[in-house]
Amino acid sequence: MKIYTVTEINERPAIKITGKWLKEKGFDIGDKFEVVFENNMLVLIKITKEEADEIKTICKQLS
């Protein structure tokens, strides 16, 4: 895997993850997930649409 940039102008890091293994691990097209950084690892946690909406609401309240 490799870290890419979004654009040459922005130079923001981006990660693109693809592969049949995602489906084998329970991730389908359109699924929502949360990313957690813990102990120098990125962890993807599959969440429901309701959980994603709740996270958005909390983030809006905090900003």
N, C-alpha and C. Protein backbone atom coordinates (compact mmCIF):
# COMPACT_ATOMS: atom_id res chain seq x y z
N MET A 1 0.85 -1.17 0.00
CA MET A 1 0.00 0.00 0.00
C MET A 1 0.89 1.23 0.00
N LYS A 2 0.33 2.33 -0.44
CA LYS A 2 1.10 3.55 -0.57
C LYS A 2 0.24 4.75 -0.20
N ILE A 3 0.83 5.77 0.40
CA ILE A 3 0.15 7.02 0.70
C ILE A 3 0.31 7.94 -0.51
N TYR A 4 -0.79 8.47 -1.01
CA TYR A 4 -0.80 9.36 -2.17
C TYR A 4 -1.15 10.78 -1.75
N THR A 5 -1.06 11.71 -2.68
CA THR A 5 -1.58 13.06 -2.45
C THR A 5 -2.90 13.18 -3.17
N VAL A 6 -3.80 14.03 -2.65
CA VAL A 6 -5.10 14.25 -3.29
C VAL A 6 -4.88 14.99 -4.60
N THR A 7 -4.15 16.09 -4.56
CA THR A 7 -3.78 16.83 -5.77
C THR A 7 -2.37 17.34 -5.59
N GLU A 8 -1.75 17.69 -6.67
CA GLU A 8 -0.40 18.24 -6.59
C GLU A 8 -0.42 19.61 -5.91
N ILE A 9 -1.54 20.33 -5.99
CA ILE A 9 -1.64 21.66 -5.39
C ILE A 9 -1.81 21.56 -3.88
N ASN A 10 -2.73 20.71 -3.42
CA ASN A 10 -3.03 20.59 -1.99
C ASN A 10 -1.98 19.81 -1.23
N GLU A 11 -1.47 18.77 -1.83
CA GLU A 11 -0.50 17.88 -1.20
C GLU A 11 -0.98 17.35 0.14
N ARG A 12 -2.28 16.98 0.20
CA ARG A 12 -2.82 16.32 1.41
C ARG A 12 -2.66 14.82 1.24
N PRO A 13 -2.24 14.11 2.28
CA PRO A 13 -2.11 12.67 2.15
C PRO A 13 -3.47 12.01 1.94
N ALA A 14 -3.48 10.94 1.15
CA ALA A 14 -4.71 10.20 0.88
C ALA A 14 -4.39 8.71 0.81
N ILE A 15 -5.31 7.90 1.30
CA ILE A 15 -5.16 6.45 1.25
C ILE A 15 -6.34 5.89 0.47
N LYS A 16 -6.06 5.09 -0.54
CA LYS A 16 -7.11 4.42 -1.32
C LYS A 16 -6.97 2.93 -1.07
N ILE A 17 -8.04 2.32 -0.59
CA ILE A 17 -8.01 0.90 -0.27
C ILE A 17 -9.01 0.19 -1.19
N THR A 18 -8.53 -0.77 -1.96
CA THR A 18 -9.40 -1.52 -2.85
C THR A 18 -9.07 -3.00 -2.76
N GLY A 19 -10.01 -3.82 -3.13
CA GLY A 19 -9.75 -5.25 -3.18
C GLY A 19 -10.94 -6.08 -2.76
N LYS A 20 -10.98 -7.29 -3.31
CA LYS A 20 -12.06 -8.22 -2.95
C LYS A 20 -12.01 -8.58 -1.47
N TRP A 21 -10.85 -8.46 -0.87
CA TRP A 21 -10.70 -8.81 0.55
C TRP A 21 -11.57 -7.93 1.43
N LEU A 22 -11.87 -6.68 0.98
CA LEU A 22 -12.75 -5.81 1.78
C LEU A 22 -14.12 -6.44 1.94
N LYS A 23 -14.66 -6.99 0.84
CA LYS A 23 -15.97 -7.65 0.91
C LYS A 23 -15.88 -8.89 1.79
N GLU A 24 -14.78 -9.61 1.67
CA GLU A 24 -14.58 -10.81 2.50
C GLU A 24 -14.54 -10.46 3.99
N LYS A 25 -14.11 -9.24 4.31
CA LYS A 25 -14.04 -8.79 5.70
C LYS A 25 -15.31 -8.08 6.16
N GLY A 26 -16.34 -8.02 5.25
CA GLY A 26 -17.63 -7.47 5.66
C GLY A 26 -17.91 -6.05 5.22
N PHE A 27 -17.02 -5.45 4.41
CA PHE A 27 -17.23 -4.09 3.92
C PHE A 27 -17.82 -4.15 2.51
N ASP A 28 -18.98 -3.48 2.32
CA ASP A 28 -19.63 -3.44 1.02
C ASP A 28 -19.68 -2.01 0.50
N ILE A 29 -19.91 -1.85 -0.80
CA ILE A 29 -20.02 -0.52 -1.41
C ILE A 29 -21.12 0.25 -0.69
N GLY A 30 -20.82 1.48 -0.29
CA GLY A 30 -21.80 2.33 0.40
C GLY A 30 -21.77 2.23 1.91
N ASP A 31 -21.03 1.26 2.44
CA ASP A 31 -20.95 1.14 3.91
C ASP A 31 -20.29 2.38 4.50
N LYS A 32 -20.65 2.68 5.72
CA LYS A 32 -20.04 3.78 6.47
C LYS A 32 -19.03 3.16 7.43
N PHE A 33 -17.95 3.92 7.70
CA PHE A 33 -16.98 3.44 8.67
C PHE A 33 -16.31 4.61 9.36
N GLU A 34 -15.82 4.35 10.53
CA GLU A 34 -15.09 5.32 11.34
C GLU A 34 -13.62 4.91 11.31
N VAL A 35 -12.74 5.89 11.29
CA VAL A 35 -11.30 5.62 11.32
C VAL A 35 -10.77 6.07 12.68
N VAL A 36 -10.08 5.16 13.36
CA VAL A 36 -9.50 5.45 14.67
C VAL A 36 -7.99 5.26 14.56
N PHE A 37 -7.24 6.20 15.12
CA PHE A 37 -5.79 6.08 15.17
C PHE A 37 -5.41 5.71 16.58
N GLU A 38 -4.81 4.53 16.74
CA GLU A 38 -4.48 4.03 18.07
C GLU A 38 -3.16 3.25 17.99
N ASN A 39 -2.23 3.56 18.88
CA ASN A 39 -0.95 2.85 18.93
C ASN A 39 -0.27 2.77 17.57
N ASN A 40 -0.25 3.89 16.86
CA ASN A 40 0.40 4.01 15.56
C ASN A 40 -0.26 3.15 14.48
N MET A 41 -1.57 2.83 14.65
CA MET A 41 -2.32 2.05 13.67
C MET A 41 -3.59 2.80 13.30
N LEU A 42 -3.98 2.69 12.02
CA LEU A 42 -5.30 3.16 11.59
C LEU A 42 -6.23 1.95 11.64
N VAL A 43 -7.37 2.10 12.31
CA VAL A 43 -8.34 1.02 12.44
C VAL A 43 -9.64 1.47 11.80
N LEU A 44 -10.18 0.65 10.88
CA LEU A 44 -11.46 0.94 10.24
C LEU A 44 -12.55 0.19 10.99
N ILE A 45 -13.58 0.92 11.43
CA ILE A 45 -14.68 0.31 12.18
C ILE A 45 -15.97 0.55 11.40
N LYS A 46 -16.59 -0.53 10.93
CA LYS A 46 -17.84 -0.43 10.19
C LYS A 46 -18.94 0.04 11.13
N ILE A 47 -19.71 1.05 10.68
CA ILE A 47 -20.79 1.59 11.50
C ILE A 47 -22.07 1.65 10.68
N THR A 48 -23.20 1.76 11.38
CA THR A 48 -24.49 1.88 10.70
C THR A 48 -24.69 3.32 10.23
N LYS A 49 -25.66 3.55 9.36
CA LYS A 49 -25.99 4.89 8.89
C LYS A 49 -26.40 5.76 10.08
N GLU A 50 -27.15 5.19 11.01
CA GLU A 50 -27.59 5.94 12.19
C GLU A 50 -26.40 6.38 13.03
N GLU A 51 -25.43 5.50 13.20
CA GLU A 51 -24.23 5.86 13.95
C GLU A 51 -23.45 6.96 13.24
N ALA A 52 -23.37 6.87 11.90
CA ALA A 52 -22.68 7.90 11.12
C ALA A 52 -23.37 9.24 11.27
N ASP A 53 -24.71 9.24 11.22
CA ASP A 53 -25.48 10.48 11.40
C ASP A 53 -25.26 11.07 12.78
N GLU A 54 -25.20 10.21 13.79
CA GLU A 54 -24.97 10.66 15.17
C GLU A 54 -23.58 11.29 15.30
N ILE A 55 -22.59 10.69 14.68
CA ILE A 55 -21.23 11.24 14.71
C ILE A 55 -21.20 12.62 14.05
N LYS A 56 -21.88 12.76 12.91
CA LYS A 56 -21.95 14.07 12.23
C LYS A 56 -22.58 15.12 13.13
N THR A 57 -23.66 14.75 13.81
CA THR A 57 -24.36 15.68 14.70
C THR A 57 -23.44 16.13 15.83
N ILE A 58 -22.74 15.18 16.43
CA ILE A 58 -21.82 15.52 17.53
C ILE A 58 -20.70 16.43 17.04
N CYS A 59 -20.15 16.14 15.87
CA CYS A 59 -19.07 16.96 15.32
C CYS A 59 -19.55 18.40 15.05
N LYS A 60 -20.77 18.54 14.54
CA LYS A 60 -21.32 19.87 14.29
C LYS A 60 -21.48 20.64 15.60
N GLN A 61 -21.91 19.96 16.65
CA GLN A 61 -22.08 20.60 17.94
C GLN A 61 -20.75 21.05 18.53
N LEU A 62 -19.70 20.32 18.26
CA LEU A 62 -18.39 20.63 18.80
C LEU A 62 -17.68 21.76 18.04
N SER A 63 -18.08 21.98 16.79
CA SER A 63 -17.39 23.00 16.00
C SER A 63 -18.02 24.36 16.13
